[in-house]
Amino acid sequence: MAVKKTFDFKLSQNVGLALSKKRPAQFNEPRPTETGVVIGRSQYTNCNPQYLVRYVAADGRQIEEWLAEDAIVAL
């Protein structure tokens, strides 16, 4: 498996959770409901980069969680 050596997201970049429910159609934009900001990044020799994201969950809780690169999307 080839390991990716570059980051797709910058620190302080606004992101959304890729599998988060989409906003209702009246908002006229397909943005995730769970959005946050990248507050950390990690790079490894044996796996792709991961990101520490601070976001507000759909139930209103503030969460900080390490997420794989393919689990977040740029806003």
N, C-alpha and C. Protein backbone atom coordinates (compact mmCIF):
# COMPACT_ATOMS: atom_id res chain seq x y z
N MET A 1 0.84 -1.18 0.00
CA MET A 1 0.00 0.00 0.00
C MET A 1 0.89 1.24 0.00
N ALA A 2 0.60 2.14 -0.93
CA ALA A 2 1.35 3.40 -0.98
C ALA A 2 0.82 4.35 0.08
N VAL A 3 1.72 4.95 0.82
CA VAL A 3 1.34 5.88 1.88
C VAL A 3 1.43 7.30 1.35
N LYS A 4 0.38 8.07 1.55
CA LYS A 4 0.33 9.45 1.10
C LYS A 4 1.21 10.31 2.00
N LYS A 5 2.02 11.18 1.41
CA LYS A 5 2.98 11.97 2.17
C LYS A 5 2.60 13.45 2.29
N THR A 6 1.47 13.85 1.72
CA THR A 6 1.07 15.25 1.77
C THR A 6 -0.28 15.38 2.47
N PHE A 7 -0.57 16.60 2.93
CA PHE A 7 -1.84 16.87 3.60
C PHE A 7 -2.82 17.52 2.63
N ASP A 8 -4.08 17.10 2.65
CA ASP A 8 -5.12 17.72 1.83
C ASP A 8 -5.76 18.92 2.53
N PHE A 9 -5.67 18.99 3.86
CA PHE A 9 -6.34 20.04 4.62
C PHE A 9 -5.31 20.81 5.44
N LYS A 10 -5.55 22.12 5.55
CA LYS A 10 -4.65 23.00 6.30
C LYS A 10 -5.14 23.14 7.74
N LEU A 11 -4.24 23.50 8.64
CA LEU A 11 -4.64 23.84 9.99
C LEU A 11 -5.58 25.04 9.94
N SER A 12 -6.58 25.04 10.78
CA SER A 12 -7.61 26.08 10.86
C SER A 12 -8.60 26.06 9.69
N GLN A 13 -8.50 25.06 8.83
CA GLN A 13 -9.44 24.97 7.70
C GLN A 13 -10.79 24.46 8.18
N ASN A 14 -11.87 25.04 7.66
CA ASN A 14 -13.22 24.58 7.97
C ASN A 14 -13.52 23.33 7.15
N VAL A 15 -14.03 22.31 7.83
CA VAL A 15 -14.34 21.03 7.18
C VAL A 15 -15.70 20.52 7.67
N GLY A 16 -16.21 19.54 6.96
CA GLY A 16 -17.42 18.86 7.37
C GLY A 16 -17.17 17.38 7.44
N LEU A 17 -17.97 16.67 8.20
CA LEU A 17 -17.85 15.22 8.27
C LEU A 17 -18.52 14.62 7.04
N ALA A 18 -17.78 13.79 6.33
CA ALA A 18 -18.22 13.30 5.02
C ALA A 18 -19.54 12.54 5.08
N LEU A 19 -19.79 11.80 6.12
CA LEU A 19 -21.02 11.00 6.19
C LEU A 19 -22.12 11.65 7.00
N SER A 20 -21.91 12.91 7.39
CA SER A 20 -22.92 13.64 8.14
C SER A 20 -24.15 13.86 7.27
N LYS A 21 -25.32 13.88 7.89
CA LYS A 21 -26.55 14.14 7.14
C LYS A 21 -26.45 15.49 6.46
N LYS A 22 -27.05 15.59 5.29
CA LYS A 22 -27.04 16.86 4.55
C LYS A 22 -28.13 17.78 5.07
N ARG A 23 -27.92 19.09 4.91
CA ARG A 23 -28.93 20.06 5.32
C ARG A 23 -30.18 19.91 4.46
N PRO A 24 -31.33 20.30 4.98
CA PRO A 24 -32.56 20.22 4.18
C PRO A 24 -32.45 21.03 2.90
N ALA A 25 -33.24 20.65 1.91
CA ALA A 25 -33.16 21.27 0.58
C ALA A 25 -33.38 22.78 0.60
N GLN A 26 -34.17 23.29 1.54
CA GLN A 26 -34.44 24.73 1.54
C GLN A 26 -33.19 25.57 1.76
N PHE A 27 -32.11 24.96 2.28
CA PHE A 27 -30.86 25.70 2.45
C PHE A 27 -30.12 25.83 1.13
N ASN A 28 -30.52 25.06 0.14
CA ASN A 28 -30.00 25.16 -1.22
C ASN A 28 -28.50 24.90 -1.33
N GLU A 29 -27.96 24.14 -0.43
CA GLU A 29 -26.55 23.77 -0.51
C GLU A 29 -26.35 22.41 0.15
N PRO A 30 -25.59 21.54 -0.48
CA PRO A 30 -25.40 20.17 0.05
C PRO A 30 -24.28 20.09 1.07
N ARG A 31 -24.33 20.91 2.13
CA ARG A 31 -23.28 20.89 3.15
C ARG A 31 -23.64 19.92 4.26
N PRO A 32 -22.64 19.30 4.87
CA PRO A 32 -22.91 18.43 6.02
C PRO A 32 -23.45 19.24 7.19
N THR A 33 -24.25 18.62 8.03
CA THR A 33 -24.76 19.32 9.22
C THR A 33 -23.69 19.40 10.30
N GLU A 34 -22.76 18.47 10.33
CA GLU A 34 -21.69 18.48 11.33
C GLU A 34 -20.44 19.08 10.69
N THR A 35 -20.10 20.28 11.13
CA THR A 35 -18.95 20.99 10.58
C THR A 35 -18.03 21.42 11.70
N GLY A 36 -16.77 21.63 11.35
CA GLY A 36 -15.80 22.03 12.36
C GLY A 36 -14.55 22.59 11.73
N VAL A 37 -13.47 22.55 12.50
CA VAL A 37 -12.21 23.14 12.06
C VAL A 37 -11.06 22.17 12.38
N VAL A 38 -10.08 22.09 11.48
CA VAL A 38 -8.90 21.25 11.69
C VAL A 38 -8.01 21.94 12.72
N ILE A 39 -7.73 21.26 13.83
CA ILE A 39 -6.87 21.84 14.87
C ILE A 39 -5.56 21.07 15.03
N GLY A 40 -5.40 19.98 14.29
CA GLY A 40 -4.16 19.21 14.34
C GLY A 40 -4.06 18.27 13.16
N ARG A 41 -2.84 17.88 12.84
CA ARG A 41 -2.61 16.92 11.75
C ARG A 41 -1.54 15.93 12.20
N SER A 42 -1.63 14.72 11.69
CA SER A 42 -0.59 13.73 11.99
C SER A 42 -0.17 13.04 10.71
N GLN A 43 1.10 12.71 10.65
CA GLN A 43 1.66 12.04 9.48
C GLN A 43 2.42 10.82 9.96
N TYR A 44 2.24 9.70 9.28
CA TYR A 44 2.82 8.43 9.69
C TYR A 44 3.62 7.81 8.56
N THR A 45 4.49 6.89 8.90
CA THR A 45 5.25 6.18 7.87
C THR A 45 4.46 5.03 7.27
N ASN A 46 3.41 4.56 7.98
CA ASN A 46 2.71 3.36 7.52
C ASN A 46 1.22 3.56 7.27
N CYS A 47 0.72 4.80 7.29
CA CYS A 47 -0.69 5.04 6.95
C CYS A 47 -0.87 6.49 6.52
N ASN A 48 -2.01 6.77 5.92
CA ASN A 48 -2.30 8.11 5.41
C ASN A 48 -2.52 9.11 6.55
N PRO A 49 -2.41 10.40 6.24
CA PRO A 49 -2.57 11.44 7.26
C PRO A 49 -3.92 11.38 7.97
N GLN A 50 -3.93 11.84 9.21
CA GLN A 50 -5.16 11.98 9.98
C GLN A 50 -5.23 13.40 10.51
N TYR A 51 -6.45 13.81 10.88
CA TYR A 51 -6.68 15.19 11.30
C TYR A 51 -7.45 15.22 12.61
N LEU A 52 -7.04 16.11 13.50
CA LEU A 52 -7.78 16.36 14.72
C LEU A 52 -8.76 17.47 14.41
N VAL A 53 -10.05 17.15 14.50
CA VAL A 53 -11.10 18.10 14.13
C VAL A 53 -11.95 18.41 15.35
N ARG A 54 -12.18 19.71 15.58
CA ARG A 54 -13.10 20.16 16.63
C ARG A 54 -14.40 20.54 15.91
N TYR A 55 -15.49 19.85 16.28
CA TYR A 55 -16.76 20.11 15.60
C TYR A 55 -17.91 20.01 16.57
N VAL A 56 -19.06 20.51 16.14
CA VAL A 56 -20.28 20.41 16.93
C VAL A 56 -21.11 19.29 16.32
N ALA A 57 -21.38 18.28 17.13
CA ALA A 57 -22.16 17.12 16.67
C ALA A 57 -23.61 17.52 16.44
N ALA A 58 -24.35 16.69 15.75
CA ALA A 58 -25.75 16.96 15.43
C ALA A 58 -26.59 17.17 16.69
N ASP A 59 -26.17 16.57 17.81
CA ASP A 59 -26.93 16.72 19.06
C ASP A 59 -26.46 17.90 19.90
N GLY A 60 -25.54 18.72 19.36
CA GLY A 60 -25.11 19.94 20.03
C GLY A 60 -23.85 19.84 20.87
N ARG A 61 -23.30 18.64 21.03
CA ARG A 61 -22.07 18.48 21.83
C ARG A 61 -20.85 18.92 21.02
N GLN A 62 -19.89 19.57 21.70
CA GLN A 62 -18.62 19.89 21.05
C GLN A 62 -17.70 18.69 21.20
N ILE A 63 -17.08 18.29 20.10
CA ILE A 63 -16.25 17.09 20.08
C ILE A 63 -14.92 17.40 19.41
N GLU A 64 -13.85 16.80 19.93
CA GLU A 64 -12.54 16.80 19.27
C GLU A 64 -12.22 15.34 18.98
N GLU A 65 -11.93 15.06 17.72
CA GLU A 65 -11.74 13.66 17.32
C GLU A 65 -10.73 13.57 16.18
N TRP A 66 -9.88 12.52 16.24
CA TRP A 66 -8.97 12.23 15.14
C TRP A 66 -9.76 11.51 14.06
N LEU A 67 -9.66 12.01 12.82
CA LEU A 67 -10.41 11.44 11.70
C LEU A 67 -9.47 11.18 10.53
N ALA A 68 -9.76 10.12 9.80
CA ALA A 68 -9.01 9.81 8.59
C ALA A 68 -9.32 10.86 7.52
N GLU A 69 -8.40 11.04 6.62
CA GLU A 69 -8.55 12.06 5.58
C GLU A 69 -9.83 11.89 4.76
N ASP A 70 -10.22 10.65 4.50
CA ASP A 70 -11.41 10.42 3.68
C ASP A 70 -12.71 10.58 4.46
N ALA A 71 -12.63 10.88 5.76
CA ALA A 71 -13.82 11.07 6.59
C ALA A 71 -14.24 12.54 6.68
N ILE A 72 -13.44 13.45 6.10
CA ILE A 72 -13.81 14.86 6.14
C ILE A 72 -13.79 15.45 4.73
N VAL A 73 -14.53 16.55 4.57
CA VAL A 73 -14.61 17.24 3.28
C VAL A 73 -14.37 18.73 3.51
N ALA A 74 -13.79 19.39 2.52
CA ALA A 74 -13.56 20.83 2.59
C ALA A 74 -14.88 21.57 2.44
N LEU A 75 -15.01 22.69 3.12
CA LEU A 75 -16.20 23.53 3.00
C LEU A 75 -15.86 24.79 2.23
